């Protein structure tokens, strides 16, 4: 059974459209121990929300982990990792951060409690609630 995650990226650096254009992306540059540990826990086939940070502040799409964690050779490969992801689908409508904060079903969502965490787990109920909010 797949696990669920959320990964943040600044759309002007690497947005949903960039991932779609590439067909598969390498999620790199994560330099936070907790976020890196979350990436190490990801398994091939896990489902991941793509969240636009800084501008947009919304969940915009669903990705799938296509390759599990490997060393991030762009930084310190002994400390940091990358995962590969593929786009699955753009959400019917984006789910803004403001709306997620107002939904009581999401009160324990990791990114609402640890706002600077760029890679976070999402519970099964939280995943379903966000999909409902997206009109799916």
N, C-alpha and C. Protein backbone atom coordinates (compact mmCIF):
# COMPACT_ATOMS: atom_id res chain seq x y z
N UNK A 1 0.84 -1.19 0.00
CA UNK A 1 0.00 0.00 0.00
C UNK A 1 0.89 1.25 0.00
N UNK A 2 0.64 2.14 -0.94
CA UNK A 2 1.50 3.33 -1.00
C UNK A 2 1.29 4.26 0.18
N UNK A 3 2.33 5.00 0.48
CA UNK A 3 2.23 6.06 1.47
C UNK A 3 1.99 7.36 0.72
N UNK A 4 1.62 8.39 1.48
CA UNK A 4 1.30 9.68 0.89
C UNK A 4 2.23 10.75 1.45
N UNK A 5 2.58 11.70 0.59
CA UNK A 5 3.53 12.75 0.93
C UNK A 5 3.11 14.07 0.31
N UNK A 6 3.78 15.12 0.72
CA UNK A 6 3.66 16.43 0.09
C UNK A 6 5.06 16.99 -0.05
N UNK A 7 5.35 17.51 -1.24
CA UNK A 7 6.66 18.13 -1.50
C UNK A 7 6.43 19.54 -2.01
N UNK A 8 7.21 20.47 -1.46
CA UNK A 8 7.09 21.88 -1.82
C UNK A 8 8.19 22.28 -2.80
N UNK A 9 7.81 23.15 -3.73
CA UNK A 9 8.79 23.75 -4.63
C UNK A 9 8.31 25.14 -5.02
N UNK A 10 9.26 26.05 -5.17
CA UNK A 10 8.92 27.39 -5.62
C UNK A 10 8.67 27.33 -7.12
N UNK A 11 7.48 27.74 -7.57
CA UNK A 11 7.15 27.58 -8.99
C UNK A 11 8.06 28.34 -9.95
N UNK A 12 8.68 29.42 -9.49
CA UNK A 12 9.60 30.14 -10.38
C UNK A 12 10.95 29.42 -10.50
N UNK A 13 11.22 28.50 -9.57
CA UNK A 13 12.45 27.68 -9.63
C UNK A 13 12.17 26.35 -10.34
N UNK A 14 11.11 25.67 -9.91
CA UNK A 14 10.72 24.39 -10.50
C UNK A 14 9.26 24.16 -10.16
N UNK A 15 8.40 24.40 -11.12
CA UNK A 15 6.97 24.29 -10.89
C UNK A 15 6.37 23.03 -11.52
N UNK A 16 5.08 22.88 -11.32
CA UNK A 16 4.35 21.73 -11.86
C UNK A 16 4.57 21.61 -13.36
N UNK A 17 4.46 22.73 -14.08
CA UNK A 17 4.62 22.69 -15.53
C UNK A 17 6.01 22.21 -15.95
N UNK A 18 7.02 22.53 -15.15
CA UNK A 18 8.38 22.05 -15.44
C UNK A 18 8.44 20.53 -15.32
N UNK A 19 7.83 19.99 -14.27
CA UNK A 19 7.81 18.54 -14.08
C UNK A 19 7.08 17.86 -15.23
N UNK A 20 5.94 18.41 -15.61
CA UNK A 20 5.16 17.82 -16.71
C UNK A 20 5.98 17.84 -18.00
N UNK A 21 6.66 18.95 -18.26
CA UNK A 21 7.48 19.06 -19.48
C UNK A 21 8.61 18.04 -19.49
N UNK A 22 9.21 17.78 -18.32
CA UNK A 22 10.31 16.81 -18.23
C UNK A 22 9.82 15.37 -18.27
N UNK A 23 8.61 15.12 -17.76
CA UNK A 23 8.09 13.76 -17.70
C UNK A 23 8.54 12.99 -16.46
N UNK A 24 9.69 13.33 -15.94
CA UNK A 24 10.21 12.78 -14.69
C UNK A 24 11.21 13.78 -14.15
N UNK A 25 11.14 14.04 -12.86
CA UNK A 25 12.04 15.03 -12.27
C UNK A 25 12.83 14.45 -11.12
N UNK A 26 14.01 15.02 -10.91
CA UNK A 26 14.84 14.66 -9.77
C UNK A 26 14.63 15.71 -8.70
N UNK A 27 14.10 15.31 -7.55
CA UNK A 27 13.83 16.23 -6.45
C UNK A 27 15.12 16.34 -5.64
N UNK A 28 15.81 17.45 -5.82
CA UNK A 28 17.10 17.62 -5.17
C UNK A 28 17.16 18.94 -4.41
N UNK A 29 18.30 19.19 -3.78
CA UNK A 29 18.50 20.45 -3.08
C UNK A 29 17.84 20.54 -1.72
N UNK A 30 17.32 19.44 -1.21
CA UNK A 30 16.66 19.44 0.11
C UNK A 30 17.75 19.33 1.17
N UNK A 31 17.86 20.38 1.98
CA UNK A 31 18.92 20.42 2.99
C UNK A 31 18.34 20.63 4.38
N UNK A 32 17.40 19.81 4.72
CA UNK A 32 16.79 19.81 6.05
C UNK A 32 16.75 18.34 6.48
N UNK A 33 17.24 18.06 7.67
CA UNK A 33 17.36 16.67 8.11
C UNK A 33 16.02 15.93 8.12
N UNK A 34 14.98 16.56 8.64
CA UNK A 34 13.68 15.89 8.71
C UNK A 34 13.12 15.65 7.31
N UNK A 35 13.22 16.65 6.44
CA UNK A 35 12.74 16.49 5.07
C UNK A 35 13.53 15.40 4.35
N UNK A 36 14.84 15.38 4.56
CA UNK A 36 15.68 14.36 3.94
C UNK A 36 15.32 12.96 4.44
N UNK A 37 15.06 12.85 5.74
CA UNK A 37 14.63 11.56 6.29
C UNK A 37 13.30 11.12 5.70
N UNK A 38 12.40 12.07 5.46
CA UNK A 38 11.12 11.75 4.81
C UNK A 38 11.37 11.22 3.40
N UNK A 39 12.30 11.83 2.69
CA UNK A 39 12.62 11.36 1.34
C UNK A 39 13.21 9.95 1.39
N UNK A 40 14.03 9.67 2.39
CA UNK A 40 14.62 8.33 2.53
C UNK A 40 13.55 7.28 2.80
N UNK A 41 12.42 7.69 3.39
CA UNK A 41 11.33 6.76 3.71
C UNK A 41 10.41 6.50 2.52
N UNK A 42 10.53 7.29 1.46
CA UNK A 42 9.66 7.14 0.29
C UNK A 42 9.98 5.85 -0.46
N UNK A 43 8.92 5.23 -0.96
CA UNK A 43 9.05 4.01 -1.74
C UNK A 43 8.48 4.24 -3.14
N UNK A 44 9.01 3.49 -4.09
CA UNK A 44 8.51 3.58 -5.46
C UNK A 44 7.00 3.32 -5.45
N UNK A 45 6.25 4.17 -6.12
CA UNK A 45 4.80 4.04 -6.17
C UNK A 45 4.07 4.91 -5.17
N UNK A 46 4.79 5.45 -4.16
CA UNK A 46 4.14 6.36 -3.21
C UNK A 46 3.57 7.56 -3.96
N UNK A 47 2.47 8.09 -3.47
CA UNK A 47 1.79 9.23 -4.07
C UNK A 47 2.20 10.51 -3.34
N UNK A 48 2.39 11.58 -4.11
CA UNK A 48 2.93 12.82 -3.56
C UNK A 48 2.17 14.02 -4.11
N UNK A 49 1.73 14.90 -3.22
CA UNK A 49 1.17 16.17 -3.67
C UNK A 49 2.31 17.11 -4.04
N UNK A 50 2.14 17.84 -5.14
CA UNK A 50 3.08 18.89 -5.54
C UNK A 50 2.49 20.20 -5.05
N UNK A 51 3.25 20.89 -4.20
CA UNK A 51 2.80 22.13 -3.57
C UNK A 51 3.68 23.29 -4.04
N UNK A 52 3.04 24.33 -4.58
CA UNK A 52 3.77 25.54 -4.96
C UNK A 52 3.96 26.42 -3.74
N UNK A 53 5.20 26.65 -3.36
CA UNK A 53 5.50 27.50 -2.20
C UNK A 53 5.87 28.91 -2.66
N UNK A 54 5.97 29.80 -1.73
CA UNK A 54 6.29 31.23 -1.94
C UNK A 54 5.22 31.95 -2.76
N UNK A 55 5.06 31.59 -4.03
CA UNK A 55 4.00 32.19 -4.84
C UNK A 55 3.00 31.09 -5.16
N UNK A 56 1.75 31.38 -5.00
CA UNK A 56 0.71 30.38 -5.21
C UNK A 56 0.24 29.80 -3.90
N UNK A 57 1.16 29.23 -3.13
CA UNK A 57 0.82 28.61 -1.84
C UNK A 57 -0.38 27.68 -1.97
N UNK A 58 -0.21 26.66 -2.82
CA UNK A 58 -1.33 25.75 -3.07
C UNK A 58 -0.83 24.41 -3.59
N UNK A 59 -1.63 23.38 -3.33
CA UNK A 59 -1.38 22.06 -3.89
C UNK A 59 -1.93 22.09 -5.31
N UNK A 60 -1.10 21.70 -6.28
CA UNK A 60 -1.51 21.83 -7.68
C UNK A 60 -1.58 20.50 -8.43
N UNK A 61 -0.91 19.46 -7.93
CA UNK A 61 -0.88 18.22 -8.67
C UNK A 61 -0.51 17.02 -7.83
N UNK A 62 -0.60 15.86 -8.46
CA UNK A 62 -0.23 14.59 -7.83
C UNK A 62 0.93 13.99 -8.62
N UNK A 63 1.95 13.56 -7.88
CA UNK A 63 3.11 12.90 -8.47
C UNK A 63 3.21 11.49 -7.90
N UNK A 64 4.08 10.71 -8.50
CA UNK A 64 4.37 9.37 -8.00
C UNK A 64 5.88 9.22 -7.88
N UNK A 65 6.34 8.62 -6.80
CA UNK A 65 7.76 8.34 -6.65
C UNK A 65 8.13 7.28 -7.67
N UNK A 66 9.06 7.62 -8.56
CA UNK A 66 9.48 6.68 -9.60
C UNK A 66 10.83 6.04 -9.30
N UNK A 67 11.59 6.67 -8.42
CA UNK A 67 12.88 6.10 -8.01
C UNK A 67 13.15 6.51 -6.57
N UNK A 68 13.50 5.54 -5.74
CA UNK A 68 13.72 5.81 -4.32
C UNK A 68 15.01 6.59 -4.08
N UNK A 69 15.21 6.99 -2.86
CA UNK A 69 16.31 7.88 -2.48
C UNK A 69 17.68 7.36 -2.91
N UNK A 70 18.47 8.30 -3.40
CA UNK A 70 19.88 8.05 -3.72
C UNK A 70 20.66 9.30 -3.34
N UNK A 71 21.98 9.21 -3.23
CA UNK A 71 22.77 10.37 -2.79
C UNK A 71 22.59 11.58 -3.71
N UNK A 72 22.53 12.77 -3.11
CA UNK A 72 22.43 14.02 -3.86
C UNK A 72 23.84 14.50 -4.18
N UNK A 73 24.30 14.22 -5.39
CA UNK A 73 25.66 14.56 -5.78
C UNK A 73 25.84 16.05 -6.02
N UNK A 74 24.74 16.82 -6.03
CA UNK A 74 24.85 18.27 -6.21
C UNK A 74 25.23 18.97 -4.90
N UNK A 75 25.16 18.25 -3.79
CA UNK A 75 25.51 18.83 -2.48
C UNK A 75 26.47 17.88 -1.77
N UNK A 76 26.13 17.51 -0.56
CA UNK A 76 26.94 16.57 0.22
C UNK A 76 26.29 15.19 0.09
N UNK A 77 26.80 14.33 -0.80
CA UNK A 77 26.14 13.04 -1.06
C UNK A 77 26.13 12.08 0.12
N UNK A 78 26.95 12.34 1.12
CA UNK A 78 26.94 11.49 2.31
C UNK A 78 25.83 11.89 3.27
N UNK A 79 25.25 13.07 3.05
CA UNK A 79 24.24 13.58 3.98
C UNK A 79 22.86 13.73 3.35
N UNK A 80 22.80 14.22 2.11
CA UNK A 80 21.52 14.55 1.48
C UNK A 80 21.18 13.58 0.36
N UNK A 81 19.89 13.48 0.06
CA UNK A 81 19.41 12.54 -0.96
C UNK A 81 18.51 13.22 -1.98
N UNK A 82 18.26 12.50 -3.07
CA UNK A 82 17.28 12.90 -4.08
C UNK A 82 16.31 11.74 -4.26
N UNK A 83 15.12 12.04 -4.76
CA UNK A 83 14.20 11.02 -5.25
C UNK A 83 13.74 11.46 -6.63
N UNK A 84 13.29 10.52 -7.42
CA UNK A 84 12.73 10.86 -8.73
C UNK A 84 11.22 10.72 -8.65
N UNK A 85 10.54 11.65 -9.31
CA UNK A 85 9.08 11.67 -9.31
C UNK A 85 8.57 11.88 -10.73
N UNK A 86 7.37 11.35 -10.98
CA UNK A 86 6.70 11.54 -12.27
C UNK A 86 5.34 12.18 -12.01
N UNK A 87 4.92 13.07 -12.90
CA UNK A 87 3.59 13.65 -12.73
C UNK A 87 2.51 12.60 -13.00
N UNK A 88 1.47 12.61 -12.19
CA UNK A 88 0.32 11.72 -12.40
C UNK A 88 -0.82 12.52 -13.01
N UNK A 89 -1.17 13.63 -12.34
CA UNK A 89 -2.24 14.48 -12.88
C UNK A 89 -2.24 15.83 -12.17
N UNK A 90 -2.71 16.81 -12.91
CA UNK A 90 -2.96 18.13 -12.32
C UNK A 90 -4.29 18.02 -11.59
N UNK A 91 -4.39 18.65 -10.44
CA UNK A 91 -5.66 18.61 -9.70
C UNK A 91 -6.73 19.38 -10.47
N UNK A 92 -7.99 18.96 -10.31
CA UNK A 92 -9.10 19.63 -10.98
C UNK A 92 -9.11 21.12 -10.65
N UNK A 93 -8.81 21.44 -9.40
CA UNK A 93 -8.61 22.84 -9.00
C UNK A 93 -7.57 22.85 -7.89
N UNK A 94 -6.71 23.88 -7.87
CA UNK A 94 -5.69 23.95 -6.83
C UNK A 94 -6.31 24.08 -5.45
N UNK A 95 -5.60 23.59 -4.44
CA UNK A 95 -6.06 23.68 -3.06
C UNK A 95 -5.15 24.66 -2.32
N UNK A 96 -5.66 25.87 -2.04
CA UNK A 96 -4.84 26.89 -1.39
C UNK A 96 -4.53 26.56 0.07
N UNK A 97 -3.38 27.03 0.52
CA UNK A 97 -2.96 26.86 1.91
C UNK A 97 -4.03 27.42 2.85
N UNK A 98 -4.58 28.57 2.52
CA UNK A 98 -5.59 29.20 3.38
C UNK A 98 -6.78 28.26 3.60
N UNK A 99 -7.23 27.60 2.55
CA UNK A 99 -8.35 26.67 2.67
C UNK A 99 -7.97 25.45 3.50
N UNK A 100 -6.74 24.97 3.35
CA UNK A 100 -6.30 23.82 4.14
C UNK A 100 -6.27 24.17 5.63
N UNK A 101 -5.83 25.39 5.94
CA UNK A 101 -5.79 25.83 7.34
C UNK A 101 -7.18 25.90 7.96
N UNK A 102 -8.19 26.15 7.14
CA UNK A 102 -9.57 26.29 7.63
C UNK A 102 -10.31 24.96 7.71
N UNK A 103 -9.74 23.90 7.18
CA UNK A 103 -10.40 22.59 7.17
C UNK A 103 -10.02 21.82 8.43
N UNK A 104 -10.99 21.55 9.33
CA UNK A 104 -10.67 20.84 10.57
C UNK A 104 -10.10 19.43 10.35
N UNK A 105 -10.40 18.83 9.21
CA UNK A 105 -9.86 17.49 8.91
C UNK A 105 -8.35 17.53 8.70
N UNK A 106 -7.80 18.72 8.48
CA UNK A 106 -6.37 18.86 8.20
C UNK A 106 -5.60 19.48 9.35
N UNK A 107 -6.22 19.53 10.53
CA UNK A 107 -5.59 20.21 11.67
C UNK A 107 -4.24 19.61 12.05
N UNK A 108 -4.02 18.33 11.75
CA UNK A 108 -2.75 17.68 12.09
C UNK A 108 -1.80 17.55 10.90
N UNK A 109 -2.14 18.16 9.78
CA UNK A 109 -1.29 18.08 8.59
C UNK A 109 0.09 18.65 8.91
N UNK A 110 1.12 17.89 8.61
CA UNK A 110 2.49 18.26 9.00
C UNK A 110 2.89 19.65 8.51
N UNK A 111 2.54 20.01 7.28
CA UNK A 111 2.99 21.32 6.78
C UNK A 111 2.27 22.48 7.46
N UNK A 112 1.16 22.21 8.14
CA UNK A 112 0.48 23.27 8.87
C UNK A 112 1.09 23.44 10.26
N UNK A 113 1.70 22.39 10.76
CA UNK A 113 2.35 22.45 12.07
C UNK A 113 3.82 22.85 11.96
N UNK A 114 4.46 22.44 10.89
CA UNK A 114 5.88 22.75 10.65
C UNK A 114 5.96 23.43 9.28
N UNK A 115 5.71 24.71 9.27
CA UNK A 115 5.52 25.43 8.00
C UNK A 115 6.76 25.46 7.11
N UNK A 116 7.93 25.29 7.66
CA UNK A 116 9.15 25.35 6.85
C UNK A 116 9.57 23.97 6.32
N UNK A 117 8.85 22.93 6.70
CA UNK A 117 9.18 21.58 6.25
C UNK A 117 8.81 21.43 4.77
N UNK A 118 9.79 21.07 3.94
CA UNK A 118 9.55 21.04 2.49
C UNK A 118 9.12 19.68 1.96
N UNK A 119 9.31 18.63 2.74
CA UNK A 119 8.88 17.29 2.36
C UNK A 119 8.25 16.68 3.60
N UNK A 120 6.96 16.34 3.50
CA UNK A 120 6.24 15.92 4.70
C UNK A 120 5.28 14.77 4.40
N UNK A 121 5.05 13.92 5.40
CA UNK A 121 4.05 12.86 5.24
C UNK A 121 2.65 13.44 5.25
N UNK A 122 1.74 12.73 4.60
CA UNK A 122 0.32 13.09 4.58
C UNK A 122 -0.44 11.82 4.94
N UNK A 123 -1.32 11.89 5.92
CA UNK A 123 -2.12 10.73 6.30
C UNK A 123 -3.16 10.40 5.24
N UNK A 124 -3.66 9.18 5.29
CA UNK A 124 -4.65 8.73 4.29
C UNK A 124 -5.91 9.60 4.32
N UNK A 125 -6.40 9.93 5.51
CA UNK A 125 -7.60 10.79 5.61
C UNK A 125 -7.32 12.20 5.12
N UNK A 126 -6.12 12.71 5.44
CA UNK A 126 -5.74 14.04 4.98
C UNK A 126 -5.64 14.07 3.45
N UNK A 127 -5.07 13.00 2.89
CA UNK A 127 -4.95 12.89 1.44
C UNK A 127 -6.34 12.96 0.80
N UNK A 128 -7.25 12.17 1.34
CA UNK A 128 -8.62 12.14 0.81
C UNK A 128 -9.29 13.50 0.95
N UNK A 129 -9.10 14.16 2.08
CA UNK A 129 -9.72 15.48 2.30
C UNK A 129 -9.21 16.51 1.30
N UNK A 130 -7.92 16.48 1.01
CA UNK A 130 -7.36 17.42 0.04
C UNK A 130 -7.90 17.13 -1.36
N UNK A 131 -8.05 15.87 -1.71
CA UNK A 131 -8.63 15.53 -3.01
C UNK A 131 -10.06 16.03 -3.13
N UNK A 132 -10.83 15.90 -2.06
CA UNK A 132 -12.21 16.42 -2.06
C UNK A 132 -12.19 17.94 -2.27
N UNK A 133 -11.29 18.61 -1.58
CA UNK A 133 -11.17 20.07 -1.72
C UNK A 133 -10.78 20.46 -3.15
N UNK A 134 -10.08 19.56 -3.84
CA UNK A 134 -9.67 19.81 -5.23
C UNK A 134 -10.77 19.47 -6.22
N UNK A 135 -11.91 19.00 -5.72
CA UNK A 135 -13.02 18.65 -6.60
C UNK A 135 -12.87 17.29 -7.24
N UNK A 136 -12.14 16.40 -6.57
CA UNK A 136 -11.93 15.05 -7.13
C UNK A 136 -12.59 14.00 -6.26
